[in-house]
Amino acid sequence: MNAGDELRLQFAEQAPPTAGWRRDFVLIGDGWEKDGDYNTGFSQTVLPLPSHGRPDYGAGPQKLALEDDPVYQRHRDDWEQYHTRFVTPSAFVKGLRR
């Protein structure tokens, strides 16, 4: 996701809760933020891809193509369906110059 993105979720309608009760929802996310902030580790590169199975994330980018990365290979369909845009810092930089 990126700044300004929206997430919409749809659920099948459920029976109303018991009288006197109220239904609420909790969204739990498990992910990483890899932004362009210079204080973020490896902020200027796609690699390394973080994952729970890679405790050596701090070791830095490996010398391999994105498609060869084990995280990419485990979730290839996700990458092909959802990671479809490249966001540059140009809009942010233009905003600073105004």
Foldseek 3Di string as FASTA:
>chain_A
DDPPDDDDDDDDDDDADDPPDDDDDDDDDDADDQDCDPVHPPNVDCPPGDDPVCPVRVVDGDPDDPCPHPVCVVPVVCCVPPVDDDDDCVVVVVVVVD
